[in-house]
């Protein structure tokens, strides 16, 4: 082939492979990105959960501290708002945690406090922004404390019980934070029966995020909520999803890159398989045309006499790379691309060339050939088969045509093809019997001579498998219909003795009796069988299975 032809083939292959590579790489990268995104957000949720748990623990602590301070104020031994009482309050606040001020309220004004002294703060109207927590009233913005403070949102909330109030230290926010995530505190308002924000900025979060422990996602936010088991309050930590993905871009892009690499590798594998499959089709066509296939034969034994009764013909193919290619791959390939007829003709011709003398000399010996479903409906198959047997001088009865059980379920055309073979004198076997396609009534209507019991039943012998109980039923059915039985996959003496106990014609095939061998080696085994066997050969159809290359 010239340089131009070589370049054209390479360009053609690249044109077929490149789109697969691109699609697989994109899909792999997208999948990796989604996985990385999920991992990054999962890590964010874990950190947010720790932050919210820390915040609610701190909140519980300062609520306990605040209520403790209020209890101390009630127990003041001094007259309310007296100089001694104010001094007492200052001493309590000085030694308390989380407290910036405490004192007494009268109606809607501060009567006195540790910081404001005895004059208090007369212009207060705190009831306009209060939350009722059962016996406590929580003020979210308490003047004058909310004018200037160090809290994140300018909130200076206070708790009031009766006439006593305490103001939370705004610096508490710094201790409540664990990490760089913002958070907010929500409380249950027993007056309105709703959860409301107490402190912190309030992003657009669903109601469930304000009142129930858990993690979630809302729009472009990811959040984690921890609720107190002691008080009607929750802490919610949240973060921006784009910001989190940017922060953890190494995770996201790392998995995206890994996914793209994996996708590329898969693309290469898929591309190679596509090219190989396309190449295999052309190789197989050339192998048939150039006579580069070869045949092997496996003995089939009469269990009653342990003598060779026939052979199963199997086609083998070694590709251009010197690797054996399974018939389970190349036979369906021929069916898919419509040249099964060429493969069948090649197998029949070579099997007859190698076994015609034996078939003429031994009328009881039968060579079996397995054909595809397409052969049964091919009008040219039977005439070609007749022509080749006549040219070889072989009786039609010396050949058994095996059809898979799946083929028999393909309707009246397949049944008609089987009928024509039977009428022409060829034996017909149902291969892989018991795999689930045929029924007793259907088998009764088919013009067949034998069934080949699938090897899956043979493996059940000596086990406690429930399916073993089906074997006697199949054998009884075959005996009733006067069908010979060929048992596939016999590998142990236990299996052979099991089937030999039945009083009906049963043949066997498997590694216990011999592996597939060349025609020369098979005839050597056949000669040894004649010499060493002193037992008379029982009259039987002598069925032997020879797949047209499908085993």
Protein backbone atom coordinates (compact mmCIF):
# COMPACT_ATOMS: atom_id res chain seq x y z
CA UNK A 1 0.00 0.00 0.00
CA UNK A 2 1.32 3.42 -0.90
CA UNK A 3 1.99 6.40 1.34
CA UNK A 4 -1.31 8.01 0.36
CA UNK A 5 -3.27 4.88 1.28
CA UNK A 6 -1.53 4.57 4.63
CA UNK A 7 -2.22 8.22 5.42
CA UNK A 8 -5.87 7.80 4.40
CA UNK A 9 -6.34 4.84 6.75
CA UNK A 10 -4.69 6.69 9.61
CA UNK A 11 -6.90 9.73 8.96
CA UNK A 12 -9.98 7.52 8.77
CA UNK A 13 -9.15 5.82 12.06
CA UNK A 14 -8.37 9.15 13.73
CA UNK A 15 -11.69 10.49 12.48
CA UNK A 16 -13.48 7.55 14.08
CA UNK A 17 -11.46 7.58 17.31
CA UNK A 18 -11.13 11.31 18.00
CA UNK A 19 -14.86 11.98 18.66
CA UNK A 20 -14.95 9.05 21.09
CA UNK A 21 -11.88 10.38 22.89
CA UNK A 22 -13.32 13.89 23.07
CA UNK A 23 -16.69 12.72 24.39
CA UNK A 24 -15.12 10.39 26.97
CA UNK A 25 -12.68 13.08 28.11
CA UNK A 26 -15.45 15.66 28.48
CA UNK A 27 -17.74 13.21 30.28
CA UNK A 28 -14.88 12.10 32.54
CA UNK A 29 -13.92 15.68 33.33
CA UNK A 30 -17.54 16.66 34.00
CA UNK A 31 -18.03 13.63 36.22
CA UNK A 32 -14.79 14.41 38.07
CA UNK A 33 -15.87 18.02 38.53
CA UNK A 34 -19.24 16.95 39.94
CA UNK A 35 -17.52 14.49 42.28
CA UNK A 36 -15.00 17.13 43.35
CA UNK A 37 -17.79 19.64 43.87
CA UNK A 38 -19.69 17.13 45.99
CA UNK A 39 -16.57 16.35 48.04
CA UNK A 40 -15.78 20.05 48.55
CA UNK A 41 -19.33 20.85 49.67
CA UNK A 42 -19.29 17.78 51.91
CA UNK A 43 -16.17 19.08 53.61
CA UNK A 44 -17.84 22.48 53.93
CA UNK A 45 -20.87 20.93 55.59
CA UNK A 46 -18.62 19.15 58.07
CA UNK A 47 -16.85 22.37 58.98
CA UNK A 48 -20.13 24.27 59.16
CA UNK A 49 -21.58 21.60 61.43
CA UNK A 50 -18.64 21.92 63.81
CA UNK A 51 -19.05 25.69 63.76
CA UNK A 52 -22.77 25.57 64.53
CA UNK A 53 -22.23 22.98 67.27
CA UNK A 54 -19.62 25.23 68.88
CA UNK A 55 -21.92 28.25 68.56
CA UNK A 56 -24.88 26.54 70.23
CA UNK A 57 -22.67 25.25 73.05
CA UNK A 58 -21.46 28.81 73.65
CA UNK A 59 -25.03 30.11 73.44
CA UNK A 60 -26.20 27.62 76.04
CA UNK A 61 -23.31 28.66 78.25
CA UNK A 62 -24.07 32.37 78.16
CA UNK A 63 -27.83 31.83 78.57
CA UNK A 64 -27.00 29.91 81.76
CA UNK A 65 -24.64 32.71 82.77
CA UNK A 66 -27.23 35.40 82.05
CA UNK A 67 -29.96 33.66 84.01
CA UNK A 68 -27.47 33.12 86.85
CA UNK A 69 -26.68 36.82 86.98
CA UNK A 70 -30.37 37.66 87.06
CA UNK A 71 -30.81 35.30 90.00
CA UNK A 72 -27.92 37.01 91.79
CA UNK A 73 -29.48 40.43 91.25
CA UNK A 74 -32.78 39.27 92.75
CA UNK A 75 -30.93 38.18 95.84
CA UNK A 76 -29.38 41.61 96.41
CA UNK A 77 -29.63 42.48 100.13
CA UNK A 78 -29.88 46.18 99.30
CA UNK A 79 -32.86 48.33 98.37
CA UNK A 80 -33.53 48.33 94.65
CA UNK A 81 -31.46 50.89 92.70
CA UNK A 82 -29.84 52.21 95.87
CA UNK A 83 -26.18 53.18 95.76
CA UNK A 84 -25.33 49.95 97.56
CA UNK A 85 -27.46 47.96 95.10
CA UNK A 86 -25.71 49.54 92.11
CA UNK A 87 -22.36 48.72 93.65
CA UNK A 88 -23.56 45.16 94.22
CA UNK A 89 -24.63 44.94 90.57
CA UNK A 90 -21.24 46.22 89.38
CA UNK A 91 -19.50 43.57 91.43
CA UNK A 92 -21.72 40.85 89.95
CA UNK A 93 -21.13 42.05 86.37
CA UNK A 94 -17.39 42.34 86.97
CA UNK A 95 -17.12 38.69 87.98
CA UNK A 96 -19.60 37.31 85.43
CA UNK A 97 -18.82 35.97 81.96
CA UNK A 98 -20.52 37.12 78.75
CA UNK A 99 -22.15 40.16 80.53
CA UNK A 100 -21.68 43.82 79.59
CA UNK A 101 -24.35 45.27 81.90
CA UNK A 102 -27.16 44.28 84.26
CA UNK A 103 -29.79 46.08 86.26
CA UNK A 104 -33.42 46.73 86.97
CA UNK A 105 -36.22 47.80 84.61
CA UNK A 106 -39.42 49.58 85.47
CA UNK A 107 -42.04 49.29 82.78
CA UNK A 108 -40.37 50.27 79.49
CA UNK A 109 -37.38 52.08 80.94
CA UNK A 110 -34.11 51.10 82.57
CA UNK A 111 -34.37 52.18 86.21
CA UNK A 112 -30.74 51.53 87.07
CA UNK A 113 -27.81 49.35 85.98
CA UNK A 114 -24.19 48.60 86.74
CA UNK A 115 -23.01 50.86 83.89
CA UNK A 116 -25.73 53.53 83.82
CA UNK A 117 -25.88 53.88 87.58
CA UNK A 118 -28.94 55.01 89.46
CA UNK A 119 -30.19 57.35 86.70
CA UNK A 120 -30.92 54.56 84.24
CA UNK A 121 -32.19 55.29 80.72
CA UNK A 122 -35.58 56.91 80.47
CA UNK A 123 -36.15 56.97 76.67
CA UNK A 124 -36.19 53.18 76.23
CA UNK A 125 -39.00 51.51 74.27
CA UNK A 126 -37.78 47.88 74.22
CA UNK A 127 -41.15 46.17 73.74
CA UNK A 128 -41.10 47.06 70.05
CA UNK A 129 -38.34 44.50 69.28
CA UNK A 130 -38.76 41.69 71.80
CA UNK A 131 -39.07 37.91 71.59
CA UNK A 132 -40.91 35.93 74.24
CA UNK A 133 -39.10 32.78 75.38
CA UNK A 134 -41.57 31.36 77.87
CA UNK A 135 -40.64 33.12 81.16
CA UNK A 136 -37.96 35.26 79.49
CA UNK A 137 -38.22 38.27 77.25
CA UNK A 138 -35.35 38.72 74.81
CA UNK A 139 -34.65 42.20 73.44
CA UNK A 140 -32.86 42.09 70.11
CA UNK A 141 -31.92 45.78 70.11
CA UNK A 142 -31.68 47.39 73.50
CA UNK A 143 -30.87 51.09 73.70
CA UNK A 144 -28.41 52.51 74.50
CA UNK A 145 -26.32 49.35 74.09
CA UNK A 146 -27.03 48.83 70.39
CA UNK A 147 -25.68 52.22 69.33
CA UNK A 148 -22.04 51.29 69.57
CA UNK A 149 -20.87 47.75 70.10
CA UNK A 150 -18.47 45.22 68.63
CA UNK A 151 -21.00 42.61 67.48
CA UNK A 152 -21.05 41.56 63.83
CA UNK A 153 -24.53 42.92 63.10
CA UNK A 154 -24.79 45.74 65.65
CA UNK A 155 -27.03 43.62 67.84
CA UNK A 156 -26.96 44.14 71.60
CA UNK A 157 -29.61 41.85 72.94
CA UNK A 158 -30.64 41.44 76.53
CA UNK A 159 -32.67 39.03 78.62
CA UNK A 160 -35.35 40.16 81.06
CA UNK A 161 -37.06 38.12 83.76
CA UNK A 162 -39.54 40.13 85.77
CA UNK A 163 -37.82 43.43 86.59
CA UNK A 164 -34.25 42.14 86.19
CA UNK A 165 -32.34 42.42 82.91
CA UNK A 166 -28.87 41.51 81.68
CA UNK A 167 -27.10 42.58 78.49
CA UNK A 168 -24.98 40.16 76.51
CA UNK A 169 -21.39 41.17 75.87
CA UNK A 170 -21.08 41.78 72.07
CA UNK A 171 -17.55 40.32 72.17
CA UNK A 172 -19.17 36.90 72.66
CA UNK A 173 -19.53 36.65 68.88
CA UNK A 174 -15.78 36.31 68.56
CA UNK A 175 -15.72 33.33 70.91
CA UNK A 176 -18.74 31.69 69.33
CA UNK A 177 -17.13 31.62 65.91
CA UNK A 178 -15.05 28.55 65.07
CA UNK A 179 -13.48 29.23 61.72
CA UNK A 180 -14.35 31.96 59.25
CA UNK A 181 -18.00 31.08 58.74
CA UNK A 182 -20.73 33.57 59.67
CA UNK A 183 -23.61 32.32 61.78
CA UNK A 184 -26.89 33.43 63.24
CA UNK A 185 -28.81 32.49 66.38
CA UNK A 186 -32.53 31.77 66.17
CA UNK A 187 -35.05 31.44 69.00
CA UNK A 188 -38.61 30.24 69.24
CA UNK A 189 -40.97 33.14 69.88
CA UNK A 190 -43.66 31.68 72.14
CA UNK A 191 -45.83 34.74 71.50
CA UNK A 192 -45.92 34.47 67.69
CA UNK A 193 -45.15 30.72 67.64
CA UNK A 194 -42.48 31.21 65.00
CA UNK A 195 -38.73 30.85 64.90
CA UNK A 196 -37.06 34.25 64.63
CA UNK A 197 -33.53 35.55 64.26
CA UNK A 198 -31.95 36.72 67.48
CA UNK A 199 -28.50 37.72 66.27
CA UNK A 200 -26.36 37.51 63.18
CA UNK A 201 -27.10 38.42 59.59
CA UNK A 202 -30.12 36.67 58.12
CA UNK A 203 -29.56 35.23 54.60
CA UNK A 204 -32.35 33.63 52.60
CA UNK A 205 -32.64 30.26 54.31
CA UNK A 206 -35.59 27.86 54.48
CA UNK A 207 -37.57 27.61 57.71
CA UNK A 208 -36.18 24.14 58.36
CA UNK A 209 -32.68 25.62 58.53
CA UNK A 210 -33.75 27.92 61.39
CA UNK A 211 -35.32 25.32 63.60
CA UNK A 212 -33.97 21.81 62.96
CA UNK A 213 -30.55 20.21 63.36
CA UNK A 214 -29.04 19.16 60.05
CA UNK A 215 -27.18 20.25 56.95
CA UNK A 216 -28.54 21.42 53.63
CA UNK A 217 -28.30 23.66 50.62
CA UNK A 218 -30.45 26.62 49.59
CA UNK A 219 -29.83 28.48 46.36
CA UNK A 220 -26.14 29.38 46.42
CA UNK A 221 -25.72 28.74 50.15
CA UNK A 222 -24.73 25.64 52.09
CA UNK A 223 -25.63 25.56 55.77
CA UNK A 224 -25.50 23.51 58.97
CA UNK A 225 -27.86 23.89 61.95
CA UNK A 226 -27.40 22.76 65.54
CA UNK A 227 -30.23 23.19 68.02
CA UNK A 228 -30.01 23.27 71.80
CA UNK A 229 -31.36 20.43 73.86
CA UNK A 230 -31.86 22.81 76.83
CA UNK A 231 -33.32 25.99 75.38
CA UNK A 232 -35.51 26.92 72.41
CA UNK A 233 -32.62 28.17 70.28
CA UNK A 234 -30.55 27.10 67.28
CA UNK A 235 -27.27 28.17 65.71
CA UNK A 236 -27.00 28.26 61.91
CA UNK A 237 -23.64 28.46 60.13
CA UNK A 238 -23.65 29.13 56.41
CA UNK A 239 -21.32 29.77 53.50
CA UNK A 240 -21.48 30.79 49.86
CA UNK A 241 -21.15 27.82 47.53
CA UNK A 242 -19.12 29.73 44.89
CA UNK A 243 -16.79 30.98 47.64
CA UNK A 244 -16.36 27.46 49.05
CA UNK A 245 -15.62 26.00 45.63
CA UNK A 246 -13.07 28.75 45.04
CA UNK A 247 -11.46 28.07 48.40
CA UNK A 248 -11.25 24.35 47.65
CA UNK A 249 -10.52 24.68 43.95
CA UNK A 250 -7.58 22.31 44.29
CA UNK A 251 -10.01 19.53 45.29
CA UNK A 252 -12.51 20.40 42.56
CA UNK A 253 -10.04 20.81 39.73
CA UNK A 254 -7.96 17.88 40.94
CA UNK A 255 -10.89 15.47 40.67
CA UNK A 256 -11.95 17.08 37.37
CA UNK A 257 -8.47 16.48 35.97
CA UNK A 258 -8.45 12.92 37.29
CA UNK A 259 -11.90 12.33 35.79
CA UNK A 260 -10.76 13.72 32.43
CA UNK A 261 -7.72 11.43 32.50
CA UNK A 262 -9.84 8.39 33.37
CA UNK A 263 -12.32 9.39 30.66
CA UNK A 264 -9.50 9.65 28.14
CA UNK A 265 -8.23 6.20 29.10
CA UNK A 266 -11.72 4.77 28.75
CA UNK A 267 -12.03 6.54 25.43
CA UNK A 268 -8.83 4.89 24.26
CA UNK A 269 -10.07 1.49 25.40
CA UNK A 270 -13.45 1.95 23.73
CA UNK A 271 -11.81 3.27 20.57
CA UNK A 272 -9.45 0.31 20.44
CA UNK A 273 -12.37 -2.06 20.91
CA UNK A 274 -14.28 -0.34 18.12
CA UNK A 275 -11.30 -0.46 15.80
CA UNK A 276 -10.55 -4.02 16.81
CA UNK A 277 -14.14 -5.07 16.19
CA UNK A 278 -14.16 -3.37 12.82
CA UNK A 279 -10.77 -4.89 12.11
CA UNK A 280 -11.92 -8.33 13.24
CA UNK A 281 -14.78 -8.31 10.78
CA UNK A 282 -12.43 -7.67 7.87
CA UNK A 283 -9.87 -10.14 9.24
CA UNK A 284 -12.53 -12.84 9.54
CA UNK A 285 -13.73 -12.27 6.00
CA UNK A 286 -10.14 -12.56 4.76
CA UNK A 287 -9.51 -15.64 6.92
CA UNK A 288 -12.51 -17.42 5.39
CA UNK A 289 -11.58 -16.38 1.85
CA UNK A 290 -7.90 -17.32 2.31
CA UNK A 291 -8.56 -20.59 4.15
CA UNK A 292 -6.90 -19.49 7.39
CA UNK A 293 -9.31 -21.08 9.85
CA UNK A 294 -8.79 -24.58 11.19
CA UNK A 295 -10.95 -27.34 12.64
CA UNK A 296 -10.72 -29.37 15.84
CA UNK A 297 -12.87 -32.29 16.98
CA UNK A 298 -14.01 -33.45 20.40
CA UNK A 299 -14.99 -37.08 21.00
CA UNK A 300 -18.51 -38.02 21.99
CA UNK A 301 -18.75 -41.25 23.95
CA UNK A 302 -21.45 -43.90 24.30
CA UNK A 303 -21.77 -44.12 28.09
CA UNK A 304 -22.90 -47.74 27.94
CA UNK A 305 -19.75 -48.94 26.15
CA UNK A 306 -17.33 -46.04 26.73
CA UNK A 307 -16.52 -46.15 23.01
CA UNK A 308 -16.29 -43.21 20.62
CA UNK A 309 -19.61 -42.77 18.86
CA UNK A 310 -19.00 -39.51 17.07
CA UNK A 311 -17.32 -36.14 17.08
CA UNK A 312 -18.19 -32.50 17.55
CA UNK A 313 -16.57 -30.29 14.93
CA UNK A 314 -15.36 -26.94 16.15
CA UNK A 315 -13.87 -24.12 14.14
CA UNK A 316 -10.91 -22.18 15.49
CA UNK A 317 -9.32 -18.94 14.39
CA UNK A 318 -6.05 -17.25 15.26
CA UNK A 319 -5.97 -13.56 14.36
CA UNK A 320 -3.22 -11.57 12.72
CA UNK A 321 -1.69 -10.81 16.11
CA UNK A 322 -1.27 -14.56 16.72
CA UNK A 323 -3.87 -14.53 19.47
CA UNK A 324 -6.66 -17.12 19.47
CA UNK A 325 -10.08 -15.49 19.04
CA UNK A 326 -13.02 -17.19 20.72
CA UNK A 327 -15.89 -18.48 18.57
CA UNK A 328 -18.18 -16.75 21.03
CA UNK A 329 -16.79 -13.52 19.56
CA UNK A 330 -16.30 -14.17 15.87
CA UNK A 331 -19.41 -16.30 15.18
CA UNK A 332 -21.82 -13.58 16.40
CA UNK A 333 -19.67 -11.13 14.42
CA UNK A 334 -20.38 -13.10 11.25
CA UNK A 335 -24.08 -13.21 12.12
CA UNK A 336 -24.18 -9.49 12.81
CA UNK A 337 -22.55 -8.55 9.51
CA UNK A 338 -24.40 -11.09 7.40
CA UNK A 339 -21.72 -13.54 6.22
CA UNK A 340 -22.67 -16.56 8.33
CA UNK A 341 -23.31 -18.47 5.11
CA UNK A 342 -19.64 -18.12 4.09
CA UNK A 343 -18.48 -19.37 7.48
CA UNK A 344 -20.92 -22.30 7.42
CA UNK A 345 -19.86 -23.39 3.93
CA UNK A 346 -16.19 -23.26 4.95
CA UNK A 347 -16.80 -25.43 8.03
CA UNK A 348 -18.95 -28.00 6.25
CA UNK A 349 -16.43 -28.33 3.42
CA UNK A 350 -13.41 -28.78 5.68
CA UNK A 351 -15.17 -31.09 8.13
CA UNK A 352 -16.22 -33.36 5.24
CA UNK A 353 -12.74 -33.24 3.69
CA UNK A 354 -11.21 -34.44 6.97
CA UNK A 355 -13.88 -36.98 7.97
CA UNK A 356 -15.44 -38.25 4.74
CA UNK A 357 -13.45 -41.56 4.73
CA UNK A 358 -14.43 -42.25 8.34
CA UNK A 359 -18.09 -41.42 7.71
CA UNK A 360 -18.14 -43.72 4.67
CA UNK A 361 -16.42 -46.58 6.50
CA UNK A 362 -18.38 -46.35 9.78
CA UNK A 363 -22.11 -45.94 9.22
CA UNK A 364 -22.77 -45.61 12.96
CA UNK A 365 -20.31 -42.74 13.38
CA UNK A 366 -21.92 -39.34 13.23
CA UNK A 367 -20.32 -35.97 12.79
CA UNK A 368 -22.35 -33.08 14.14
CA UNK A 369 -22.22 -29.52 12.86
CA UNK A 370 -23.73 -26.58 14.68
CA UNK A 371 -25.41 -23.95 12.52
CA UNK A 372 -26.68 -20.46 13.25
CA UNK A 373 -30.29 -19.33 13.28
CA UNK A 374 -29.70 -17.51 9.98
CA UNK A 375 -28.77 -20.83 8.31
CA UNK A 376 -32.14 -22.35 9.19
CA UNK A 377 -33.98 -19.61 7.33
CA UNK A 378 -31.47 -19.43 4.47
CA UNK A 379 -32.97 -21.08 1.39
CA UNK A 380 -29.50 -21.80 0.02
CA UNK A 381 -28.26 -23.68 3.08
CA UNK A 382 -29.92 -27.06 2.46
CA UNK A 383 -29.02 -27.25 -1.26
CA UNK A 384 -25.38 -26.42 -0.45
CA UNK A 385 -25.34 -29.01 2.34
CA UNK A 386 -26.77 -31.66 0.00
CA UNK A 387 -24.26 -30.77 -2.70
CA UNK A 388 -21.26 -31.02 -0.40
CA UNK A 389 -22.32 -34.35 1.15
CA UNK A 390 -22.93 -35.80 -2.32
CA UNK A 391 -19.53 -34.62 -3.54
CA UNK A 392 -17.92 -36.22 -0.47
CA UNK A 393 -19.85 -39.47 -0.94
CA UNK A 394 -21.33 -39.21 2.55
CA UNK A 395 -24.86 -40.20 3.53
CA UNK A 396 -26.96 -37.33 4.98
CA UNK A 397 -27.60 -39.51 8.03
CA UNK A 398 -23.90 -39.39 8.91
CA UNK A 399 -24.24 -35.71 9.70
CA UNK A 400 -26.17 -34.20 12.57
CA UNK A 401 -27.05 -30.52 12.34
CA UNK A 402 -27.11 -28.85 15.73
CA UNK A 403 -29.31 -25.82 16.29
CA UNK A 404 -29.29 -23.85 19.51
CA UNK A 405 -32.38 -23.86 21.67
CA UNK A 406 -32.57 -20.12 21.12
CA UNK A 407 -32.84 -20.69 17.35
CA UNK A 408 -35.88 -22.94 17.77
CA UNK A 409 -37.80 -20.12 19.41
CA UNK A 410 -37.62 -17.88 16.33
CA UNK A 411 -40.90 -18.92 14.80
CA UNK A 412 -42.31 -20.95 11.96
CA UNK A 413 -39.47 -20.20 9.53
CA UNK A 414 -36.93 -21.86 11.83
CA UNK A 415 -39.29 -24.82 12.39
CA UNK A 416 -39.73 -25.17 8.64
CA UNK A 417 -35.95 -25.16 8.16
CA UNK A 418 -35.56 -27.92 10.75
CA UNK A 419 -38.31 -29.92 9.04
CA UNK A 420 -36.56 -29.66 5.67
CA UNK A 421 -33.28 -30.88 7.15
CA UNK A 422 -35.04 -33.83 8.77
CA UNK A 423 -36.86 -34.75 5.59
CA UNK A 424 -33.55 -34.63 3.68
CA UNK A 425 -32.18 -37.33 6.01
CA UNK A 426 -29.90 -35.21 8.20
CA UNK A 427 -30.00 -35.66 11.93
CA UNK A 428 -31.13 -32.62 13.94
CA UNK A 429 -30.04 -31.92 17.52
CA UNK A 430 -31.17 -29.23 19.95
CA UNK A 431 -28.01 -27.78 21.50
CA UNK A 432 -27.76 -26.25 25.00
CA UNK A 433 -31.11 -27.76 25.92
CA UNK A 434 -32.62 -26.52 29.17
CA UNK A 435 -31.47 -22.91 28.94
CA UNK A 436 -35.03 -21.70 28.95
CA UNK A 437 -36.31 -21.30 25.39
CA UNK A 438 -38.12 -24.53 24.50
CA UNK A 439 -41.12 -26.14 26.09
CA UNK A 440 -42.24 -29.76 25.94
CA UNK A 441 -45.02 -29.00 23.46
CA UNK A 442 -42.70 -27.01 21.21
CA UNK A 443 -40.07 -29.76 21.27
CA UNK A 444 -42.76 -32.32 20.40
CA UNK A 445 -43.64 -30.33 17.28
CA UNK A 446 -40.04 -30.05 16.07
CA UNK A 447 -38.54 -32.70 13.81
CA UNK A 448 -35.48 -33.40 15.95
CA UNK A 449 -33.60 -36.56 16.87
CA UNK A 450 -31.60 -35.62 19.95
CA UNK A 451 -31.20 -33.05 22.67
CA UNK A 452 -27.86 -31.93 24.11
CA UNK A 453 -28.28 -31.33 27.81
CA UNK A 454 -26.62 -28.04 28.72
CA UNK A 455 -23.43 -28.30 30.80
CA UNK A 456 -25.02 -26.24 33.58
CA UNK A 457 -27.10 -29.32 34.49
CA UNK A 458 -24.02 -31.54 34.46
CA UNK A 459 -22.33 -29.31 37.02
CA UNK A 460 -25.26 -29.88 39.41
CA UNK A 461 -24.45 -33.58 39.79
CA UNK A 462 -23.19 -34.30 43.31
CA UNK A 463 -24.44 -30.98 44.67
CA UNK A 464 -27.53 -30.08 46.63
CA UNK A 465 -28.67 -27.65 43.96
CA UNK A 466 -32.43 -27.59 43.52
CA UNK A 467 -32.00 -27.70 39.74
CA UNK A 468 -30.58 -31.24 39.95
CA UNK A 469 -34.12 -32.48 40.42
CA UNK A 470 -34.98 -31.26 36.92
CA UNK A 471 -32.54 -33.68 35.23
CA UNK A 472 -34.70 -36.84 35.70
CA UNK A 473 -37.68 -34.96 34.30
CA UNK A 474 -35.74 -33.94 31.18
CA UNK A 475 -34.45 -37.48 30.65
CA UNK A 476 -37.92 -38.91 31.12
CA UNK A 477 -39.32 -36.41 28.64
CA UNK A 478 -36.64 -37.36 26.09
CA UNK A 479 -37.37 -41.07 26.57
CA UNK A 480 -41.09 -40.48 26.07
CA UNK A 481 -40.45 -38.59 22.83
CA UNK A 482 -37.87 -41.21 21.71
CA UNK A 483 -35.11 -38.62 21.66
CA UNK A 484 -31.49 -39.48 22.22
CA UNK A 485 -29.67 -37.49 24.91
CA UNK A 486 -26.17 -36.08 24.67
CA UNK A 487 -24.75 -34.75 27.94
CA UNK A 488 -22.37 -31.82 27.63
CA UNK A 489 -19.55 -30.86 29.98
CA UNK A 490 -18.85 -34.24 31.61
CA UNK A 491 -15.64 -33.74 33.58
CA UNK A 492 -15.79 -36.29 36.42
CA UNK A 493 -16.50 -40.00 36.81
CA UNK A 494 -19.28 -39.14 39.24
CA UNK A 495 -21.09 -37.25 36.50
CA UNK A 496 -20.53 -40.03 33.96
CA UNK A 497 -21.76 -42.78 36.31
CA UNK A 498 -24.85 -40.73 37.22
CA UNK A 499 -26.09 -40.61 33.62
CA UNK A 500 -24.97 -44.17 32.85
CA UNK A 501 -27.48 -45.52 35.38
CA UNK A 502 -30.43 -44.50 33.19
CA UNK A 503 -31.86 -47.19 30.95
CA UNK A 504 -31.98 -45.14 27.78
CA UNK A 505 -29.50 -44.13 25.05
CA UNK A 506 -27.24 -41.45 26.53
CA UNK A 507 -24.04 -40.13 25.00
CA UNK A 508 -21.55 -37.88 26.73
CA UNK A 509 -19.03 -35.26 25.79
CA UNK A 510 -16.50 -33.45 27.96
CA UNK A 511 -12.95 -33.22 29.18
CA UNK A 512 -13.26 -36.54 31.01
CA UNK A 513 -13.27 -38.23 27.60
CA UNK A 514 -11.09 -35.87 25.62
CA UNK A 515 -10.33 -32.30 24.64
CA UNK A 516 -10.86 -30.95 21.10
CA UNK A 517 -7.99 -32.13 18.91
CA UNK A 518 -6.94 -31.97 15.27
CA UNK A 519 -8.42 -34.40 12.74
CA UNK A 520 -5.17 -36.38 12.62
CA UNK A 521 -5.05 -36.77 16.40
CA UNK A 522 -8.74 -37.65 16.53
CA UNK A 523 -8.31 -40.44 14.00
CA UNK A 524 -5.39 -41.78 16.02
CA UNK A 525 -7.66 -41.87 19.09
CA UNK A 526 -10.34 -43.56 17.01
CA UNK A 527 -7.90 -46.26 15.87
CA UNK A 528 -6.79 -46.88 19.48
CA UNK A 529 -10.42 -47.10 20.53
CA UNK A 530 -11.04 -49.83 17.97
CA UNK A 531 -7.98 -51.82 19.02
CA UNK A 532 -8.29 -51.59 22.81
CA UNK A 533 -12.03 -52.00 23.14
CA UNK A 534 -13.17 -55.59 23.27
CA UNK A 535 -16.78 -54.83 24.11
CA UNK A 536 -19.24 -54.96 21.23
CA UNK A 537 -20.58 -51.65 20.11
CA UNK A 538 -24.22 -51.20 21.04
CA UNK A 539 -26.48 -50.29 18.15
CA UNK A 540 -27.39 -46.66 18.59
CA UNK A 541 -27.71 -43.61 16.49
CA UNK A 542 -24.19 -42.83 17.66
CA UNK A 543 -24.74 -39.14 17.90
CA UNK A 544 -21.76 -36.88 18.02
CA UNK A 545 -21.93 -33.16 18.19
CA UNK A 546 -19.81 -31.02 15.96
CA UNK A 547 -20.49 -27.33 16.20
CA UNK A 548 -19.88 -25.51 13.05
CA UNK A 549 -17.39 -23.54 14.96
CA UNK A 550 -19.59 -22.15 17.68
CA UNK A 551 -17.98 -23.70 20.79
